[in-house]
Amino acid sequence: MEQDCIKTQTEVMEKFIQELPRLRKIAGVSQTAFGKRLGLSRQSISSVERGEVPLTWLMYVAAVAYFHESNKIEDLEALNLIKEHRGFIAKHMKD
């Protein structure tokens, strides 16, 4: 059961990484500014976006929270994506 949960988390986080550059662009935030909000360097954000460095659970939660709280995203599709990820996080924080 725990292995299934980890696999699901990994899959969801990988999908989020694929959307990260687009979400940043929609929000109008650079890798540098986004990294500062997460306590990371621009190089770290770039490496995550290229798939060279894995996204940790903590980074994932912080990134989703940033986009949710920033109020910079007005694109409905992107907002729905953030809501889906918030729901996923809330579900797994209870487990």
PDB file of N, CA and C in Angstrom:
ATOM      1  N   MET A   1       0.824  -1.192   0.000  1.00  0.00           N
ATOM      2  CA  MET A   1       0.000   0.000   0.000  1.00  0.00           C
ATOM      3  C   MET A   1       0.871   1.260   0.000  1.00  0.00           C
ATOM      4  N   GLU A   2       1.881   1.298   0.857  1.00  0.00           N
ATOM      5  CA  GLU A   2       2.763   2.462   0.923  1.00  0.00           C
ATOM      6  C   GLU A   2       3.505   2.657  -0.387  1.00  0.00           C
ATOM      7  N   GLN A   3       3.929   1.562  -1.027  1.00  0.00           N
ATOM      8  CA  GLN A   3       4.628   1.659  -2.312  1.00  0.00           C
ATOM      9  C   GLN A   3       3.718   2.271  -3.374  1.00  0.00           C
ATOM     10  N   ASP A   4       2.428   1.905  -3.349  1.00  0.00           N
ATOM     11  CA  ASP A   4       1.474   2.472  -4.302  1.00  0.00           C
ATOM     12  C   ASP A   4       1.322   3.973  -4.085  1.00  0.00           C
ATOM     13  N   CYS A   5       1.291   4.392  -2.823  1.00  0.00           N
ATOM     14  CA  CYS A   5       1.171   5.805  -2.492  1.00  0.00           C
ATOM     15  C   CYS A   5       2.392   6.571  -2.988  1.00  0.00           C
ATOM     16  N   ILE A   6       3.574   6.018  -2.777  1.00  0.00           N
ATOM     17  CA  ILE A   6       4.809   6.664  -3.228  1.00  0.00           C
ATOM     18  C   ILE A   6       4.835   6.755  -4.742  1.00  0.00           C
ATOM     19  N   LYS A   7       4.418   5.679  -5.416  1.00  0.00           N
ATOM     20  CA  LYS A   7       4.385   5.680  -6.881  1.00  0.00           C
ATOM     21  C   LYS A   7       3.423   6.749  -7.388  1.00  0.00           C
ATOM     22  N   THR A   8       2.261   6.852  -6.774  1.00  0.00           N
ATOM     23  CA  THR A   8       1.278   7.850  -7.172  1.00  0.00           C
ATOM     24  C   THR A   8       1.820   9.255  -6.954  1.00  0.00           C
ATOM     25  N   GLN A   9       2.450   9.494  -5.793  1.00  0.00           N
ATOM     26  CA  GLN A   9       3.028  10.803  -5.521  1.00  0.00           C
ATOM     27  C   GLN A   9       4.075  11.158  -6.567  1.00  0.00           C
ATOM     28  N   THR A  10       4.917  10.217  -6.891  1.00  0.00           N
ATOM     29  CA  THR A  10       5.969  10.451  -7.880  1.00  0.00           C
ATOM     30  C   THR A  10       5.368  10.804  -9.232  1.00  0.00           C
ATOM     31  N   GLU A  11       4.358  10.061  -9.649  1.00  0.00           N
ATOM     32  CA  GLU A  11       3.720  10.316 -10.939  1.00  0.00           C
ATOM     33  C   GLU A  11       3.077  11.702 -10.984  1.00  0.00           C
ATOM     34  N   VAL A  12       2.377  12.069  -9.928  1.00  0.00           N
ATOM     35  CA  VAL A  12       1.712  13.369  -9.882  1.00  0.00           C
ATOM     36  C   VAL A  12       2.742  14.494  -9.873  1.00  0.00           C
ATOM     37  N   MET A  13       3.794  14.323  -9.106  1.00  0.00           N
ATOM     38  CA  MET A  13       4.835  15.347  -9.035  1.00  0.00           C
ATOM     39  C   MET A  13       5.559  15.477 -10.373  1.00  0.00           C
ATOM     40  N   GLU A  14       5.763  14.372 -11.084  1.00  0.00           N
ATOM     41  CA  GLU A  14       6.397  14.427 -12.404  1.00  0.00           C
ATOM     42  C   GLU A  14       5.532  15.216 -13.384  1.00  0.00           C
ATOM     43  N   LYS A  15       4.221  15.019 -13.312  1.00  0.00           N
ATOM     44  CA  LYS A  15       3.312  15.781 -14.176  1.00  0.00           C
ATOM     45  C   LYS A  15       3.374  17.265 -13.831  1.00  0.00           C
ATOM     46  N   PHE A  16       3.485  17.564 -12.547  1.00  0.00           N
ATOM     47  CA  PHE A  16       3.588  18.963 -12.125  1.00  0.00           C
ATOM     48  C   PHE A  16       4.867  19.588 -12.669  1.00  0.00           C
ATOM     49  N   ILE A  17       5.968  18.862 -12.612  1.00  0.00           N
ATOM     50  CA  ILE A  17       7.246  19.366 -13.126  1.00  0.00           C
ATOM     51  C   ILE A  17       7.116  19.719 -14.608  1.00  0.00           C
ATOM     52  N   GLN A  18       6.409  18.886 -15.361  1.00  0.00           N
ATOM     53  CA  GLN A  18       6.223  19.159 -16.783  1.00  0.00           C
ATOM     54  C   GLN A  18       5.461  20.459 -17.008  1.00  0.00           C
ATOM     55  N   GLU A  19       4.552  20.784 -16.090  1.00  0.00           N
ATOM     56  CA  GLU A  19       3.746  21.996 -16.211  1.00  0.00           C
ATOM     57  C   GLU A  19       4.405  23.219 -15.575  1.00  0.00           C
ATOM     58  N   LEU A  20       5.446  23.015 -14.783  1.00  0.00           N
ATOM     59  CA  LEU A  20       6.052  24.100 -14.029  1.00  0.00           C
ATOM     60  C   LEU A  20       6.489  25.293 -14.892  1.00  0.00           C
ATOM     61  N   PRO A  21       7.209  25.088 -16.002  1.00  0.00           N
ATOM     62  CA  PRO A  21       7.588  26.255 -16.814  1.00  0.00           C
ATOM     63  C   PRO A  21       6.377  27.042 -17.325  1.00  0.00           C
ATOM     64  N   ARG A  22       5.338  26.327 -17.713  1.00  0.00           N
ATOM     65  CA  ARG A  22       4.123  26.990 -18.213  1.00  0.00           C
ATOM     66  C   ARG A  22       3.433  27.769 -17.093  1.00  0.00           C
ATOM     67  N   LEU A  23       3.344  27.160 -15.913  1.00  0.00           N
ATOM     68  CA  LEU A  23       2.726  27.850 -14.783  1.00  0.00           C
ATOM     69  C   LEU A  23       3.506  29.111 -14.402  1.00  0.00           C
ATOM     70  N   ARG A  24       4.820  29.003 -14.424  1.00  0.00           N
ATOM     71  CA  ARG A  24       5.642  30.175 -14.117  1.00  0.00           C
ATOM     72  C   ARG A  24       5.405  31.282 -15.124  1.00  0.00           C
ATOM     73  N   LYS A  25       5.336  30.880 -16.398  1.00  0.00           N
ATOM     74  CA  LYS A  25       5.124  31.862 -17.464  1.00  0.00           C
ATOM     75  C   LYS A  25       3.762  32.545 -17.303  1.00  0.00           C
ATOM     76  N   ILE A  26       2.728  31.774 -17.040  1.00  0.00           N
ATOM     77  CA  ILE A  26       1.392  32.334 -16.854  1.00  0.00           C
ATOM     78  C   ILE A  26       1.381  33.285 -15.663  1.00  0.00           C
ATOM     79  N   ALA A  27       2.086  32.905 -14.602  1.00  0.00           N
ATOM     80  CA  ALA A  27       2.145  33.741 -13.393  1.00  0.00           C
ATOM     81  C   ALA A  27       3.093  34.922 -13.561  1.00  0.00           C
ATOM     82  N   GLY A  28       3.896  34.903 -14.619  1.00  0.00           N
ATOM     83  CA  GLY A  28       4.834  35.990 -14.861  1.00  0.00           C
ATOM     84  C   GLY A  28       5.979  36.019 -13.865  1.00  0.00           C
ATOM     85  N   VAL A  29       6.435  34.838 -13.464  1.00  0.00           N
ATOM     86  CA  VAL A  29       7.518  34.762 -12.479  1.00  0.00           C
ATOM     87  C   VAL A  29       8.724  34.050 -13.092  1.00  0.00           C
ATOM     88  N   SER A  30       9.882  34.634 -12.893  1.00  0.00           N
ATOM     89  CA  SER A  30      11.123  34.063 -13.426  1.00  0.00           C
ATOM     90  C   SER A  30      11.583  32.895 -12.559  1.00  0.00           C
ATOM     91  N   GLN A  31      12.518  32.126 -13.086  1.00  0.00           N
ATOM     92  CA  GLN A  31      13.116  31.054 -12.290  1.00  0.00           C
ATOM     93  C   GLN A  31      13.780  31.627 -11.048  1.00  0.00           C
ATOM     94  N   THR A  32      14.413  32.772 -11.185  1.00  0.00           N
ATOM     95  CA  THR A  32      15.100  33.407 -10.056  1.00  0.00           C
ATOM     96  C   THR A  32      14.108  33.794  -8.960  1.00  0.00           C
ATOM     97  N   ALA A  33      13.045  34.487  -9.329  1.00  0.00           N
ATOM     98  CA  ALA A  33      12.050  34.924  -8.347  1.00  0.00           C
ATOM     99  C   ALA A  33      11.333  33.728  -7.723  1.00  0.00           C
ATOM    100  N   PHE A  34      11.009  32.749  -8.542  1.00  0.00           N
ATOM    101  CA  PHE A  34      10.338  31.550  -8.042  1.00  0.00           C
ATOM    102  C   PHE A  34      11.250  30.801  -7.070  1.00  0.00           C
ATOM    103  N   GLY A  35      12.507  30.687  -7.442  1.00  0.00           N
ATOM    104  CA  GLY A  35      13.474  30.025  -6.573  1.00  0.00           C
ATOM    105  C   GLY A  35      13.611  30.716  -5.232  1.00  0.00           C
ATOM    106  N   LYS A  36      13.635  32.036  -5.242  1.00  0.00           N
ATOM    107  CA  LYS A  36      13.744  32.785  -3.982  1.00  0.00           C
ATOM    108  C   LYS A  36      12.571  32.484  -3.062  1.00  0.00           C
ATOM    109  N   ARG A  37      11.378  32.395  -3.630  1.00  0.00           N
ATOM    110  CA  ARG A  37      10.186  32.084  -2.820  1.00  0.00           C
ATOM    111  C   ARG A  37      10.272  30.692  -2.195  1.00  0.00           C
ATOM    112  N   LEU A  38      10.952  29.776  -2.886  1.00  0.00           N
ATOM    113  CA  LEU A  38      11.069  28.410  -2.393  1.00  0.00           C
ATOM    114  C   LEU A  38      12.380  28.174  -1.651  1.00  0.00           C
ATOM    115  N   GLY A  39      13.208  29.210  -1.569  1.00  0.00           N
ATOM    116  CA  GLY A  39      14.497  29.064  -0.902  1.00  0.00           C
ATOM    117  C   GLY A  39      15.513  28.309  -1.733  1.00  0.00           C
ATOM    118  N   LEU A  40      15.379  28.423  -3.060  1.00  0.00           N
ATOM    119  CA  LEU A  40      16.262  27.719  -3.985  1.00  0.00           C
ATOM    120  C   LEU A  40      16.893  28.711  -4.960  1.00  0.00           C
ATOM    121  N   SER A  41      17.953  28.285  -5.588  1.00  0.00           N
ATOM    122  CA  SER A  41      18.598  29.123  -6.596  1.00  0.00           C
ATOM    123  C   SER A  41      17.894  28.967  -7.950  1.00  0.00           C
ATOM    124  N   ARG A  42      18.174  29.892  -8.853  1.00  0.00           N
ATOM    125  CA  ARG A  42      17.650  29.788 -10.216  1.00  0.00           C
ATOM    126  C   ARG A  42      18.137  28.496 -10.861  1.00  0.00           C
ATOM    127  N   GLN A  43      19.401  28.153 -10.593  1.00  0.00           N
ATOM    128  CA  GLN A  43      19.974  26.934 -11.159  1.00  0.00           C
ATOM    129  C   GLN A  43      19.224  25.689 -10.670  1.00  0.00           C
ATOM    130  N   SER A  44      18.814  25.704  -9.406  1.00  0.00           N
ATOM    131  CA  SER A  44      18.062  24.567  -8.865  1.00  0.00           C
ATOM    132  C   SER A  44      16.716  24.435  -9.556  1.00  0.00           C
ATOM    133  N   ILE A  45      16.012  25.557  -9.741  1.00  0.00           N
ATOM    134  CA  ILE A  45      14.721  25.524 -10.427  1.00  0.00           C
ATOM    135  C   ILE A  45      14.903  25.040 -11.856  1.00  0.00           C
ATOM    136  N   SER A  46      15.926  25.530 -12.528  1.00  0.00           N
ATOM    137  CA  SER A  46      16.215  25.102 -13.894  1.00  0.00           C
ATOM    138  C   SER A  46      16.482  23.601 -13.943  1.00  0.00           C
ATOM    139  N   SER A  47      17.256  23.103 -13.008  1.00  0.00           N
ATOM    140  CA  SER A  47      17.586  21.674 -12.970  1.00  0.00           C
ATOM    141  C   SER A  47      16.350  20.819 -12.711  1.00  0.00           C
ATOM    142  N   VAL A  48      15.457  21.300 -11.852  1.00  0.00           N
ATOM    143  CA  VAL A  48      14.202  20.580 -11.596  1.00  0.00           C
ATOM    144  C   VAL A  48      13.363  20.557 -12.861  1.00  0.00           C
ATOM    145  N   GLU A  49      13.228  21.704 -13.517  1.00  0.00           N
ATOM    146  CA  GLU A  49      12.410  21.785 -14.729  1.00  0.00           C
ATOM    147  C   GLU A  49      12.955  20.910 -15.856  1.00  0.00           C
ATOM    148  N   ARG A  50      14.260  20.728 -15.911  1.00  0.00           N
ATOM    149  CA  ARG A  50      14.863  19.880 -16.946  1.00  0.00           C
ATOM    150  C   ARG A  50      14.872  18.404 -16.538  1.00  0.00           C
ATOM    151  N   GLY A  51      14.432  18.110 -15.319  1.00  0.00           N
ATOM    152  CA  GLY A  51      14.391  16.727 -14.855  1.00  0.00           C
ATOM    153  C   GLY A  51      15.732  16.204 -14.380  1.00  0.00           C
ATOM    154  N   GLU A  52      16.681  17.083 -14.174  1.00  0.00           N
ATOM    155  CA  GLU A  52      18.009  16.670 -13.722  1.00  0.00           C
ATOM    156  C   GLU A  52      18.060  16.463 -12.207  1.00  0.00           C
ATOM    157  N   VAL A  53      17.193  17.166 -11.497  1.00  0.00           N
ATOM    158  CA  VAL A  53      17.119  17.066 -10.042  1.00  0.00           C
ATOM    159  C   VAL A  53      15.678  16.738  -9.685  1.00  0.00           C
ATOM    160  N   PRO A  54      15.466  15.743  -8.836  1.00  0.00           N
ATOM    161  CA  PRO A  54      14.079  15.398  -8.489  1.00  0.00           C
ATOM    162  C   PRO A  54      13.430  16.468  -7.612  1.00  0.00           C
ATOM    163  N   LEU A  55      12.145  16.621  -7.789  1.00  0.00           N
ATOM    164  CA  LEU A  55      11.355  17.517  -6.970  1.00  0.00           C
ATOM    165  C   LEU A  55      11.010  16.779  -5.684  1.00  0.00           C
ATOM    166  N   THR A  56      11.343  17.357  -4.544  1.00  0.00           N
ATOM    167  CA  THR A  56      10.989  16.726  -3.276  1.00  0.00           C
ATOM    168  C   THR A  56       9.533  17.042  -2.943  1.00  0.00           C
ATOM    169  N   TRP A  57       8.980  16.289  -2.006  1.00  0.00           N
ATOM    170  CA  TRP A  57       7.599  16.523  -1.571  1.00  0.00           C
ATOM    171  C   TRP A  57       7.469  17.944  -1.026  1.00  0.00           C
ATOM    172  N   LEU A  58       8.440  18.377  -0.231  1.00  0.00           N
ATOM    173  CA  LEU A  58       8.397  19.708   0.351  1.00  0.00           C
ATOM    174  C   LEU A  58       8.438  20.788  -0.727  1.00  0.00           C
ATOM    175  N   MET A  59       9.285  20.614  -1.734  1.00  0.00           N
ATOM    176  CA  MET A  59       9.355  21.576  -2.837  1.00  0.00           C
ATOM    177  C   MET A  59       8.041  21.602  -3.610  1.00  0.00           C
ATOM    178  N   TYR A  60       7.465  20.431  -3.811  1.00  0.00           N
ATOM    179  CA  TYR A  60       6.194  20.313  -4.532  1.00  0.00           C
ATOM    180  C   TYR A  60       5.086  21.065  -3.781  1.00  0.00           C
ATOM    181  N   VAL A  61       4.979  20.817  -2.479  1.00  0.00           N
ATOM    182  CA  VAL A  61       3.959  21.478  -1.664  1.00  0.00           C
ATOM    183  C   VAL A  61       4.165  22.996  -1.692  1.00  0.00           C
ATOM    184  N   ALA A  62       5.415  23.436  -1.538  1.00  0.00           N
ATOM    185  CA  ALA A  62       5.717  24.871  -1.548  1.00  0.00           C
ATOM    186  C   ALA A  62       5.382  25.501  -2.900  1.00  0.00           C
ATOM    187  N   ALA A  63       5.679  24.807  -3.981  1.00  0.00           N
ATOM    188  CA  ALA A  63       5.408  25.333  -5.325  1.00  0.00           C
ATOM    189  C   ALA A  63       3.908  25.474  -5.563  1.00  0.00           C
ATOM    190  N   VAL A  64       3.142  24.444  -5.209  1.00  0.00           N
ATOM    191  CA  VAL A  64       1.688  24.506  -5.386  1.00  0.00           C
ATOM    192  C   VAL A  64       1.107  25.635  -4.525  1.00  0.00           C
ATOM    193  N   ALA A  65       1.585  25.748  -3.290  1.00  0.00           N
ATOM    194  CA  ALA A  65       1.113  26.814  -2.401  1.00  0.00           C
ATOM    195  C   ALA A  65       1.436  28.181  -2.989  1.00  0.00           C
ATOM    196  N   TYR A  66       2.629  28.318  -3.548  1.00  0.00           N
ATOM    197  CA  TYR A  66       3.018  29.600  -4.160  1.00  0.00           C
ATOM    198  C   TYR A  66       2.035  29.995  -5.257  1.00  0.00           C
ATOM    199  N   PHE A  67       1.765  29.081  -6.169  1.00  0.00           N
ATOM    200  CA  PHE A  67       0.867  29.407  -7.278  1.00  0.00           C
ATOM    201  C   PHE A  67      -0.548  29.665  -6.783  1.00  0.00           C
ATOM    202  N   HIS A  68      -0.981  28.917  -5.778  1.00  0.00           N
ATOM    203  CA  HIS A  68      -2.327  29.119  -5.232  1.00  0.00           C
ATOM    204  C   HIS A  68      -2.450  30.488  -4.558  1.00  0.00           C
ATOM    205  N   GLU A  69      -1.444  30.870  -3.806  1.00  0.00           N
ATOM    206  CA  GLU A  69      -1.499  32.102  -3.024  1.00  0.00           C
ATOM    207  C   GLU A  69      -1.096  33.352  -3.801  1.00  0.00           C
ATOM    208  N   SER A  70      -0.434  33.176  -4.935  1.00  0.00           N
ATOM    209  CA  SER A  70       0.097  34.334  -5.648  1.00  0.00           C
ATOM    210  C   SER A  70      -0.977  35.202  -6.293  1.00  0.00           C
ATOM    211  N   ASN A  71      -2.127  34.608  -6.582  1.00  0.00           N
ATOM    212  CA  ASN A  71      -3.214  35.328  -7.265  1.00  0.00           C
ATOM    213  C   ASN A  71      -2.768  35.941  -8.589  1.00  0.00           C
ATOM    214  N   LYS A  72      -1.731  35.369  -9.191  1.00  0.00           N
ATOM    215  CA  LYS A  72      -1.236  35.883 -10.467  1.00  0.00           C
ATOM    216  C   LYS A  72      -1.744  35.061 -11.645  1.00  0.00           C
ATOM    217  N   ILE A  73      -2.358  33.934 -11.369  1.00  0.00           N
ATOM    218  CA  ILE A  73      -2.816  33.060 -12.445  1.00  0.00           C
ATOM    219  C   ILE A  73      -4.312  33.262 -12.640  1.00  0.00           C
ATOM    220  N   GLU A  74      -4.663  33.697 -13.834  1.00  0.00           N
ATOM    221  CA  GLU A  74      -6.069  33.895 -14.178  1.00  0.00           C
ATOM    222  C   GLU A  74      -6.544  32.889 -15.217  1.00  0.00           C
ATOM    223  N   ASP A  75      -5.607  32.173 -15.815  1.00  0.00           N
ATOM    224  CA  ASP A  75      -5.922  31.161 -16.822  1.00  0.00           C
ATOM    225  C   ASP A  75      -6.690  30.017 -16.148  1.00  0.00           C
ATOM    226  N   LEU A  76      -7.907  29.753 -16.619  1.00  0.00           N
ATOM    227  CA  LEU A  76      -8.787  28.774 -15.983  1.00  0.00           C
ATOM    228  C   LEU A  76      -8.178  27.373 -15.961  1.00  0.00           C
ATOM    229  N   GLU A  77      -7.579  26.968 -17.056  1.00  0.00           N
ATOM    230  CA  GLU A  77      -6.957  25.640 -17.120  1.00  0.00           C
ATOM    231  C   GLU A  77      -5.838  25.515 -16.081  1.00  0.00           C
ATOM    232  N   ALA A  78      -5.024  26.532 -15.971  1.00  0.00           N
ATOM    233  CA  ALA A  78      -3.930  26.523 -14.999  1.00  0.00           C
ATOM    234  C   ALA A  78      -4.470  26.549 -13.571  1.00  0.00           C
ATOM    235  N   LEU A  79      -5.526  27.342 -13.342  1.00  0.00           N
ATOM    236  CA  LEU A  79      -6.140  27.379 -12.009  1.00  0.00           C
ATOM    237  C   LEU A  79      -6.686  26.014 -11.615  1.00  0.00           C
ATOM    238  N   ASN A  80      -7.316  25.346 -12.558  1.00  0.00           N
ATOM    239  CA  ASN A  80      -7.847  24.008 -12.285  1.00  0.00           C
ATOM    240  C   ASN A  80      -6.716  23.023 -11.986  1.00  0.00           C
ATOM    241  N   LEU A  81      -5.604  23.166 -12.694  1.00  0.00           N
ATOM    242  CA  LEU A  81      -4.446  22.316 -12.439  1.00  0.00           C
ATOM    243  C   LEU A  81      -3.943  22.518 -11.008  1.00  0.00           C
ATOM    244  N   ILE A  82      -3.840  23.757 -10.579  1.00  0.00           N
ATOM    245  CA  ILE A  82      -3.393  24.055  -9.217  1.00  0.00           C
ATOM    246  C   ILE A  82      -4.387  23.494  -8.200  1.00  0.00           C
ATOM    247  N   LYS A  83      -5.677  23.647  -8.460  1.00  0.00           N
ATOM    248  CA  LYS A  83      -6.696  23.096  -7.547  1.00  0.00           C
ATOM    249  C   LYS A  83      -6.578  21.582  -7.438  1.00  0.00           C
ATOM    250  N   GLU A  84      -6.342  20.913  -8.556  1.00  0.00           N
ATOM    251  CA  GLU A  84      -6.174  19.458  -8.532  1.00  0.00           C
ATOM    252  C   GLU A  84      -4.984  19.070  -7.660  1.00  0.00           C
ATOM    253  N   HIS A  85      -3.880  19.799  -7.811  1.00  0.00           N
ATOM    254  CA  HIS A  85      -2.690  19.485  -7.024  1.00  0.00           C
ATOM    255  C   HIS A  85      -2.906  19.812  -5.546  1.00  0.00           C
ATOM    256  N   ARG A  86      -3.631  20.875  -5.247  1.00  0.00           N
ATOM    257  CA  ARG A  86      -3.956  21.182  -3.848  1.00  0.00           C
ATOM    258  C   ARG A  86      -4.769  20.050  -3.245  1.00  0.00           C
ATOM    259  N   GLY A  87      -5.731  19.535  -4.000  1.00  0.00           N
ATOM    260  CA  GLY A  87      -6.543  18.424  -3.527  1.00  0.00           C
ATOM    261  C   GLY A  87      -5.707  17.174  -3.290  1.00  0.00           C
ATOM    262  N   PHE A  88      -4.783  16.921  -4.192  1.00  0.00           N
ATOM    263  CA  PHE A  88      -3.901  15.764  -4.048  1.00  0.00           C
ATOM    264  C   PHE A  88      -3.060  15.893  -2.789  1.00  0.00           C
ATOM    265  N   ILE A  89      -2.510  17.083  -2.557  1.00  0.00           N
ATOM    266  CA  ILE A  89      -1.697  17.314  -1.366  1.00  0.00           C
ATOM    267  C   ILE A  89      -2.524  17.131  -0.108  1.00  0.00           C
ATOM    268  N   ALA A  90      -3.706  17.721  -0.091  1.00  0.00           N
ATOM    269  CA  ALA A  90      -4.574  17.616   1.093  1.00  0.00           C
ATOM    270  C   ALA A  90      -4.916  16.162   1.395  1.00  0.00           C
ATOM    271  N   LYS A  91      -5.202  15.398   0.369  1.00  0.00           N
ATOM    272  CA  LYS A  91      -5.524  13.977   0.557  1.00  0.00           C
ATOM    273  C   LYS A  91      -4.337  13.235   1.159  1.00  0.00           C
ATOM    274  N   HIS A  92      -3.155  13.482   0.645  1.00  0.00           N
ATOM    275  CA  HIS A  92      -1.974  12.734   1.110  1.00  0.00           C
ATOM    276  C   HIS A  92      -1.429  13.249   2.435  1.00  0.00           C
ATOM    277  N   MET A  93      -1.777  14.451   2.806  1.00  0.00           N
ATOM    278  CA  MET A  93      -1.360  14.948   4.122  1.00  0.00           C
ATOM    279  C   MET A  93      -2.191  14.273   5.211  1.00  0.00           C
ATOM    280  N   LYS A  94      -3.397  13.833   4.863  1.00  0.00           N
ATOM    281  CA  LYS A  94      -4.278  13.145   5.830  1.00  0.00           C
ATOM    282  C   LYS A  94      -3.867  11.701   6.022  1.00  0.00           C
ATOM    283  N   ASP A  95      -3.320  11.090   4.949  1.00  0.00           N
ATOM    284  CA  ASP A  95      -2.954   9.653   4.996  1.00  0.00           C
ATOM    285  C   ASP A  95      -1.813   9.391   5.944  1.00  0.00           C
TER     286      ASP A  95
END
